[in-house]
């Protein structure tokens, strides 16, 4: 990377000269690659130099992945800003003393979005014992040297909580992980996915969402969508409730074959599908009328969202177990508001009961 002094470093850094919490109001200034908030900064020099360096290193997959996550952040922020022009993003670039850092873009209390966050991070250092234990529990054979495992991780993640209960919540995350073992060999893998959490079921929206993701997967292998759709349904299962968090999408982890380049191209296709799979749904419903009772149901469903993220989500657990992690960015996924009521059960044959049935018994939306 390039530091503020213009010196080259072997690993990415985020020493970008701009104020913490910069607000993005000029949506037309968003550039294609440079994250939107940096286009309004007085001093873009270090960041521009960093992206230029990444482009010169396009043969290196890590550089291309870093560019991809920044491009994805910019594309999604631009799409959200266009739908909620009166709102602004609060933007923080942050550094981690153990190595690396990131950029967090969060929009709160807009007309369309109650809370929408899009984060990128590129971190490195030594894997904590707790994080290594979590990875070994998934079958990773990690051979440490003197108890130390150097790692590099980068990714883009987002959770979008709209105000209108007829607009679903959406989450996506795409990431790359690399660990150096005791003998110098490196283990690498990709992970990620995109999933939808509606308050009320709209079958047309569900079909559009899943069909768009299937098309992205099918470009690479027809077996990928059904495999990762099932993995998504299984992963976002709230065990103590006996229901899924939402109506799914795709989810995958520890993906390290057939080759690094082929997996990267697959991840790129999935990341490029985020805007077309979700934004048309927001446009369709963001001005729908709703009742106080429907808003109450949205708050109760958000309570389920919180339960899953804090109890089961791998990314949240890894972040909380990693020394020097930025807690505000990790917990960005939580909604501004949620509700828990004692023994709340919707009436049979109601719209609320309809979505619960799908959450308890996932459907095939594309066949």
Protein backbone atom coordinates (compact mmCIF):
# COMPACT_ATOMS: atom_id res chain seq x y z
CA UNK A 1 0.00 0.00 0.00
CA UNK A 2 0.97 3.64 -0.01
CA UNK A 3 1.18 5.50 3.27
CA UNK A 4 0.38 9.17 3.74
CA UNK A 5 4.05 9.86 3.17
CA UNK A 6 3.95 8.03 -0.14
CA UNK A 7 6.07 5.11 1.06
CA UNK A 8 5.36 1.63 -0.27
CA UNK A 9 4.48 -1.15 2.14
CA UNK A 10 4.00 -4.86 1.40
CA UNK A 11 0.54 -5.09 2.95
CA UNK A 12 -2.52 -2.87 2.58
CA UNK A 13 -3.03 0.10 4.85
CA UNK A 14 -5.78 2.67 5.13
CA UNK A 15 -3.93 5.83 6.13
CA UNK A 16 -6.21 8.06 4.11
CA UNK A 17 -6.32 11.74 4.99
CA UNK A 18 -9.91 12.64 5.72
CA UNK A 19 -12.02 13.38 8.75
CA UNK A 20 -13.69 10.61 10.66
CA UNK A 21 -17.43 10.55 10.06
CA UNK A 22 -17.37 12.47 6.77
CA UNK A 23 -20.91 12.87 5.43
CA UNK A 24 -21.61 12.11 1.80
CA UNK A 25 -24.15 14.53 0.32
CA UNK A 26 -22.91 14.98 -3.26
CA UNK A 27 -24.10 11.69 -4.74
CA UNK A 28 -23.12 12.76 -8.27
CA UNK A 29 -19.49 12.83 -7.20
CA UNK A 30 -19.34 9.10 -6.57
CA UNK A 31 -16.66 7.59 -8.76
CA UNK A 32 -16.64 4.12 -10.25
CA UNK A 33 -13.82 2.63 -8.22
CA UNK A 34 -12.86 5.05 -5.48
CA UNK A 35 -15.29 4.63 -2.56
CA UNK A 36 -17.84 7.44 -2.69
CA UNK A 37 -16.87 9.32 0.45
CA UNK A 38 -13.29 9.75 -0.74
CA UNK A 39 -14.45 11.60 -3.85
CA UNK A 40 -15.44 14.51 -1.59
CA UNK A 41 -12.21 14.62 0.41
CA UNK A 42 -9.71 17.38 0.04
CA UNK A 43 -6.78 14.99 0.00
CA UNK A 44 -7.34 11.91 -2.14
CA UNK A 45 -3.68 11.49 -2.96
CA UNK A 46 -2.81 8.50 -0.76
CA UNK A 47 -5.95 6.57 -1.65
CA UNK A 48 -5.67 7.31 -5.37
CA UNK A 49 -2.05 6.18 -5.23
CA UNK A 50 -3.14 3.00 -3.46
CA UNK A 51 -5.78 2.10 -6.07
CA UNK A 52 -3.32 2.89 -8.85
CA UNK A 53 -0.82 0.54 -7.26
CA UNK A 54 -3.47 -2.18 -7.03
CA UNK A 55 -4.25 -1.78 -10.72
CA UNK A 56 -0.58 -2.13 -11.59
CA UNK A 57 -0.56 -5.35 -9.57
CA UNK A 58 -3.61 -6.86 -11.27
CA UNK A 59 -1.73 -10.10 -11.83
CA UNK A 60 -1.78 -10.58 -8.07
CA UNK A 61 -5.10 -12.00 -6.97
CA UNK A 62 -5.01 -10.24 -3.61
CA UNK A 63 -4.79 -6.88 -5.40
CA UNK A 64 -7.73 -7.73 -7.66
CA UNK A 65 -9.79 -8.90 -4.70
CA UNK A 66 -9.06 -5.69 -2.85
CA UNK A 67 -10.14 -3.68 -5.90
CA UNK A 68 -13.29 -5.80 -6.20
CA UNK A 69 -14.41 -5.14 -2.63
CA UNK A 70 -13.83 -1.41 -3.04
CA UNK A 71 -15.69 -1.36 -6.36
CA UNK A 72 -18.58 -3.27 -4.77
CA UNK A 73 -18.75 -0.83 -1.86
CA UNK A 74 -18.88 2.09 -4.29
CA UNK A 75 -21.54 0.49 -6.50
CA UNK A 76 -23.83 -0.40 -3.61
CA UNK A 77 -23.43 2.98 -1.88
CA UNK A 78 -24.19 4.74 -5.14
CA UNK A 79 -27.35 2.66 -5.65
CA UNK A 80 -28.56 3.26 -2.09
CA UNK A 81 -27.85 7.00 -2.26
CA UNK A 82 -29.88 7.27 -5.48
CA UNK A 83 -32.90 5.77 -3.71
CA UNK A 84 -32.58 7.93 -0.59
CA UNK A 85 -31.21 11.26 -1.90
CA UNK A 86 -32.09 13.25 1.22
CA UNK A 87 -29.93 11.05 3.43
CA UNK A 88 -26.16 10.98 3.80
CA UNK A 89 -23.54 8.37 4.60
CA UNK A 90 -21.41 8.69 7.70
CA UNK A 91 -17.99 7.47 6.64
CA UNK A 92 -15.07 6.32 8.75
CA UNK A 93 -11.70 5.13 7.60
CA UNK A 94 -10.09 3.24 10.44
CA UNK A 95 -6.81 1.55 11.18
CA UNK A 96 -6.02 -1.51 13.24
CA UNK A 97 -2.77 -1.31 15.18
CA UNK A 98 -2.20 -5.05 14.66
CA UNK A 99 -2.28 -4.53 10.89
CA UNK A 100 -4.59 -3.14 8.21
CA UNK A 101 -7.90 -1.36 8.55
CA UNK A 102 -11.00 -0.50 6.60
CA UNK A 103 -13.68 1.93 5.52
CA UNK A 104 -17.20 1.93 6.95
CA UNK A 105 -20.09 3.68 5.20
CA UNK A 106 -23.33 3.88 7.20
CA UNK A 107 -26.58 5.64 6.36
CA UNK A 108 -29.06 6.11 9.21
CA UNK A 109 -32.56 7.56 9.55
CA UNK A 110 -33.16 8.17 5.86
CA UNK A 111 -36.56 8.31 4.20
CA UNK A 112 -36.13 4.85 2.67
CA UNK A 113 -33.47 3.20 4.82
CA UNK A 114 -33.54 3.11 8.58
CA UNK A 115 -29.97 1.81 8.59
CA UNK A 116 -27.75 0.71 5.72
CA UNK A 117 -24.09 -0.10 6.14
CA UNK A 118 -21.45 -1.12 3.61
CA UNK A 119 -18.02 -1.97 5.02
CA UNK A 120 -14.69 -2.96 3.52
CA UNK A 121 -11.75 -4.23 5.53
CA UNK A 122 -8.27 -5.51 4.79
CA UNK A 123 -6.61 -6.79 7.93
CA UNK A 124 -3.52 -8.83 8.74
CA UNK A 125 -1.64 -10.05 11.78
CA UNK A 126 -1.61 -13.15 13.93
CA UNK A 127 -4.68 -15.32 14.24
CA UNK A 128 -6.05 -15.48 17.77
CA UNK A 129 -6.25 -18.89 19.47
CA UNK A 130 -10.04 -18.62 19.61
CA UNK A 131 -10.32 -17.85 15.89
CA UNK A 132 -7.92 -20.69 15.00
CA UNK A 133 -9.98 -23.06 17.14
CA UNK A 134 -13.14 -22.00 15.30
CA UNK A 135 -11.49 -22.69 11.94
CA UNK A 136 -10.13 -26.07 13.03
CA UNK A 137 -13.66 -27.03 14.08
CA UNK A 138 -14.61 -26.64 10.38
CA UNK A 139 -11.89 -29.10 9.34
CA UNK A 140 -8.99 -26.71 8.77
CA UNK A 141 -5.59 -28.27 9.50
CA UNK A 142 -3.60 -25.25 10.69
CA UNK A 143 0.02 -25.87 11.69
CA UNK A 144 1.29 -23.01 13.80
CA UNK A 145 4.92 -22.00 14.35
CA UNK A 146 5.57 -21.24 18.03
CA UNK A 147 1.82 -20.94 18.41
CA UNK A 148 1.60 -18.21 15.75
CA UNK A 149 -0.42 -18.19 12.54
CA UNK A 150 0.05 -15.10 10.31
CA UNK A 151 -3.09 -14.26 8.35
CA UNK A 152 -4.53 -11.80 5.86
CA UNK A 153 -8.26 -11.28 5.42
CA UNK A 154 -10.21 -8.91 3.23
CA UNK A 155 -13.86 -8.50 2.42
CA UNK A 156 -16.89 -6.35 1.78
CA UNK A 157 -20.02 -6.77 3.88
CA UNK A 158 -23.36 -5.03 4.03
CA UNK A 159 -26.68 -5.15 5.83
CA UNK A 160 -29.56 -2.94 4.71
CA UNK A 161 -32.58 -2.38 6.97
CA UNK A 162 -35.34 -0.39 5.19
CA UNK A 163 -38.03 1.56 7.02
CA UNK A 164 -40.99 0.16 5.10
CA UNK A 165 -41.99 -3.34 6.31
CA UNK A 166 -42.80 -4.27 2.70
CA UNK A 167 -39.16 -3.78 1.69
CA UNK A 168 -37.00 -6.74 2.80
CA UNK A 169 -33.72 -6.55 4.64
CA UNK A 170 -30.74 -7.66 2.57
CA UNK A 171 -27.29 -8.89 3.57
CA UNK A 172 -24.23 -9.74 1.52
CA UNK A 173 -20.61 -10.53 2.27
CA UNK A 174 -17.71 -11.56 0.02
CA UNK A 175 -14.30 -12.28 1.49
CA UNK A 176 -10.86 -13.79 0.96
CA UNK A 177 -8.72 -15.40 3.66
CA UNK A 178 -5.09 -16.48 3.65
CA UNK A 179 -3.06 -18.15 6.41
CA UNK A 180 0.67 -18.91 6.45
CA UNK A 181 1.54 -22.19 8.19
CA UNK A 182 4.69 -23.20 10.02
CA UNK A 183 6.45 -24.52 6.92
CA UNK A 184 5.71 -21.36 4.92
CA UNK A 185 2.89 -22.82 2.83
CA UNK A 186 -0.29 -20.78 2.54
CA UNK A 187 -3.84 -21.93 2.90
CA UNK A 188 -6.39 -19.75 1.12
CA UNK A 189 -10.13 -19.74 0.62
CA UNK A 190 -13.06 -17.55 -0.37
CA UNK A 191 -16.43 -17.22 1.28
CA UNK A 192 -19.57 -15.17 1.05
CA UNK A 193 -23.13 -14.96 -0.09
CA UNK A 194 -26.23 -12.80 -0.49
CA UNK A 195 -29.52 -13.37 1.30
CA UNK A 196 -32.93 -11.75 1.73
CA UNK A 197 -35.01 -11.32 4.89
CA UNK A 198 -38.55 -10.09 4.15
CA UNK A 199 -41.06 -9.15 6.81
CA UNK A 200 -43.90 -10.19 4.50
CA UNK A 201 -43.71 -12.70 1.68
CA UNK A 202 -43.91 -11.48 -1.90
CA UNK A 203 -43.37 -14.46 -4.17
CA UNK A 204 -42.58 -12.34 -7.22
CA UNK A 205 -39.76 -10.63 -5.31
CA UNK A 206 -38.46 -13.96 -4.01
CA UNK A 207 -38.32 -15.38 -7.53
CA UNK A 208 -36.53 -12.30 -8.88
CA UNK A 209 -33.96 -12.36 -6.08
CA UNK A 210 -33.16 -16.06 -6.39
CA UNK A 211 -33.26 -16.08 -10.19
CA UNK A 212 -30.71 -13.25 -10.36
CA UNK A 213 -28.34 -15.10 -8.03
CA UNK A 214 -28.86 -18.35 -9.93
CA UNK A 215 -27.90 -16.64 -13.19
CA UNK A 216 -24.67 -15.41 -11.58
CA UNK A 217 -23.85 -18.93 -10.35
CA UNK A 218 -24.82 -20.64 -13.61
CA UNK A 219 -22.15 -18.71 -15.52
CA UNK A 220 -19.61 -20.91 -13.74
CA UNK A 221 -21.28 -24.22 -12.90
CA UNK A 222 -24.94 -25.28 -12.93
CA UNK A 223 -24.38 -27.21 -9.70
CA UNK A 224 -23.38 -24.15 -7.67
CA UNK A 225 -26.75 -22.45 -7.14
CA UNK A 226 -28.64 -25.47 -5.74
CA UNK A 227 -25.66 -26.35 -3.54
CA UNK A 228 -25.20 -22.85 -2.15
CA UNK A 229 -28.93 -22.19 -1.89
CA UNK A 230 -29.28 -25.20 0.42
CA UNK A 231 -26.17 -24.15 2.36
CA UNK A 232 -27.75 -20.72 2.83
CA UNK A 233 -30.99 -22.20 4.14
CA UNK A 234 -29.04 -24.41 6.54
CA UNK A 235 -26.59 -21.72 7.67
CA UNK A 236 -29.16 -19.02 8.52
CA UNK A 237 -31.10 -21.37 10.78
CA UNK A 238 -32.08 -20.01 14.20
CA UNK A 239 -31.90 -23.28 16.10
CA UNK A 240 -33.70 -22.19 19.24
CA UNK A 241 -36.60 -20.83 17.15
CA UNK A 242 -36.81 -23.62 14.59
CA UNK A 243 -36.89 -21.17 11.69
CA UNK A 244 -34.60 -19.50 9.16
CA UNK A 245 -33.60 -15.87 9.40
CA UNK A 246 -35.04 -15.17 5.95
CA UNK A 247 -35.88 -16.74 2.59
CA UNK A 248 -32.22 -17.38 1.80
CA UNK A 249 -30.17 -16.81 -1.29
CA UNK A 250 -26.68 -18.26 -1.56
CA UNK A 251 -23.97 -18.93 1.01
CA UNK A 252 -20.57 -20.61 0.74
CA UNK A 253 -17.36 -20.80 2.74
CA UNK A 254 -13.92 -22.44 2.62
CA UNK A 255 -14.09 -22.42 -1.21
CA UNK A 256 -10.62 -23.29 -2.51
CA UNK A 257 -11.21 -25.17 -5.77
CA UNK A 258 -11.04 -25.68 -8.70
CA UNK A 259 -8.41 -22.89 -8.80
CA UNK A 260 -7.82 -19.53 -7.15
CA UNK A 261 -8.57 -17.66 -10.39
CA UNK A 262 -11.76 -19.58 -11.09
CA UNK A 263 -13.07 -19.07 -7.58
CA UNK A 264 -12.26 -15.36 -7.77
CA UNK A 265 -14.23 -15.03 -11.02
CA UNK A 266 -17.19 -16.76 -9.37
CA UNK A 267 -17.03 -14.41 -6.38
CA UNK A 268 -16.85 -11.45 -8.75
CA UNK A 269 -20.00 -12.59 -10.57
CA UNK A 270 -21.85 -12.92 -7.26
CA UNK A 271 -20.72 -9.49 -6.08
CA UNK A 272 -21.85 -7.92 -9.36
CA UNK A 273 -25.30 -9.48 -8.85
CA UNK A 274 -25.96 -7.66 -5.56
CA UNK A 275 -27.41 -4.45 -7.00
CA UNK A 276 -29.63 -6.06 -9.68
CA UNK A 277 -31.02 -8.71 -7.31
CA UNK A 278 -32.08 -6.21 -4.61
CA UNK A 279 -32.46 -2.62 -5.79
CA UNK A 280 -35.48 -3.31 -8.09
CA UNK A 281 -37.30 -4.75 -5.06
CA UNK A 282 -36.61 -1.61 -3.02
CA UNK A 283 -37.81 0.63 -5.86
CA UNK A 284 -40.98 -1.43 -6.18
CA UNK A 285 -42.04 -1.24 -2.53
CA UNK A 286 -40.36 1.72 -0.82
CA UNK A 287 -43.51 3.86 -1.15
CA UNK A 288 -46.02 1.13 -0.26
CA UNK A 289 -48.47 2.06 2.48
CA UNK A 290 -48.32 0.10 5.73
CA UNK A 291 -50.18 -0.12 9.03
CA UNK A 292 -48.90 0.20 12.61
CA UNK A 293 -49.52 -3.53 13.00
CA UNK A 294 -47.28 -4.29 10.01
CA UNK A 295 -44.56 -2.06 11.44
CA UNK A 296 -44.83 -3.94 14.75
CA UNK A 297 -44.36 -7.27 12.94
CA UNK A 298 -41.26 -5.87 11.25
CA UNK A 299 -39.82 -5.01 14.67
CA UNK A 300 -40.49 -8.51 15.97
CA UNK A 301 -38.81 -10.08 12.93
CA UNK A 302 -35.82 -7.83 13.44
CA UNK A 303 -35.53 -9.30 16.91
CA UNK A 304 -34.97 -12.67 15.23
CA UNK A 305 -32.31 -11.05 13.02
CA UNK A 306 -30.47 -9.83 16.11
CA UNK A 307 -30.69 -13.26 17.74
CA UNK A 308 -29.06 -15.00 14.78
CA UNK A 309 -26.30 -12.45 14.31
CA UNK A 310 -25.22 -12.41 17.94
CA UNK A 311 -25.57 -16.13 18.64
CA UNK A 312 -24.65 -17.94 15.43
CA UNK A 313 -23.05 -15.77 12.75
CA UNK A 314 -19.47 -16.82 11.90
CA UNK A 315 -18.39 -13.38 10.76
CA UNK A 316 -19.58 -11.73 13.96
CA UNK A 317 -17.87 -14.38 16.07
CA UNK A 318 -14.60 -14.09 14.13
CA UNK A 319 -14.64 -10.31 14.43
CA UNK A 320 -15.28 -10.37 18.15
CA UNK A 321 -12.49 -12.93 18.62
CA UNK A 322 -9.91 -10.99 16.59
CA UNK A 323 -7.70 -8.62 18.63
CA UNK A 324 -7.99 -5.00 17.56
CA UNK A 325 -11.25 -5.49 15.68
CA UNK A 326 -13.50 -2.47 15.20
CA UNK A 327 -16.61 -3.35 17.19
CA UNK A 328 -18.75 -0.59 15.65
CA UNK A 329 -18.17 -2.05 12.18
CA UNK A 330 -18.81 -5.63 13.33
CA UNK A 331 -22.12 -4.69 14.95
CA UNK A 332 -23.13 -2.49 12.02
CA UNK A 333 -25.41 -5.36 10.95
CA UNK A 334 -27.81 -4.79 13.84
CA UNK A 335 -30.94 -2.72 13.16
CA UNK A 336 -31.59 0.59 14.88
CA UNK A 337 -34.80 -0.77 16.35
CA UNK A 338 -36.12 -4.22 17.23
CA UNK A 339 -38.72 -5.69 19.56
CA UNK A 340 -39.35 -8.78 21.66
CA UNK A 341 -42.78 -9.65 22.97
CA UNK A 342 -43.60 -12.51 25.30
CA UNK A 343 -45.34 -15.44 23.55
CA UNK A 344 -46.27 -13.56 20.39
CA UNK A 345 -48.00 -15.85 17.88
CA UNK A 346 -49.66 -14.51 14.73
CA UNK A 347 -53.17 -15.71 13.82
CA UNK A 348 -53.49 -18.70 11.50
CA UNK A 349 -53.88 -17.88 7.79
CA UNK A 350 -52.55 -14.36 8.36
CA UNK A 351 -49.82 -12.73 6.25
CA UNK A 352 -47.55 -13.06 9.27
CA UNK A 353 -48.22 -16.80 9.50
CA UNK A 354 -47.52 -17.09 5.77
CA UNK A 355 -43.93 -15.88 6.08
CA UNK A 356 -43.36 -18.07 9.15
CA UNK A 357 -44.35 -21.14 7.15
CA UNK A 358 -41.70 -20.36 4.52
CA UNK A 359 -39.07 -19.69 7.19
CA UNK A 360 -39.78 -23.08 8.76
CA UNK A 361 -39.99 -24.92 5.42
CA UNK A 362 -37.76 -23.34 2.75
CA UNK A 363 -39.05 -23.28 -0.83
CA UNK A 364 -37.49 -23.72 -4.25
CA UNK A 365 -38.03 -20.34 -5.90
CA UNK A 366 -36.63 -20.91 -9.38
CA UNK A 367 -38.10 -24.24 -10.62
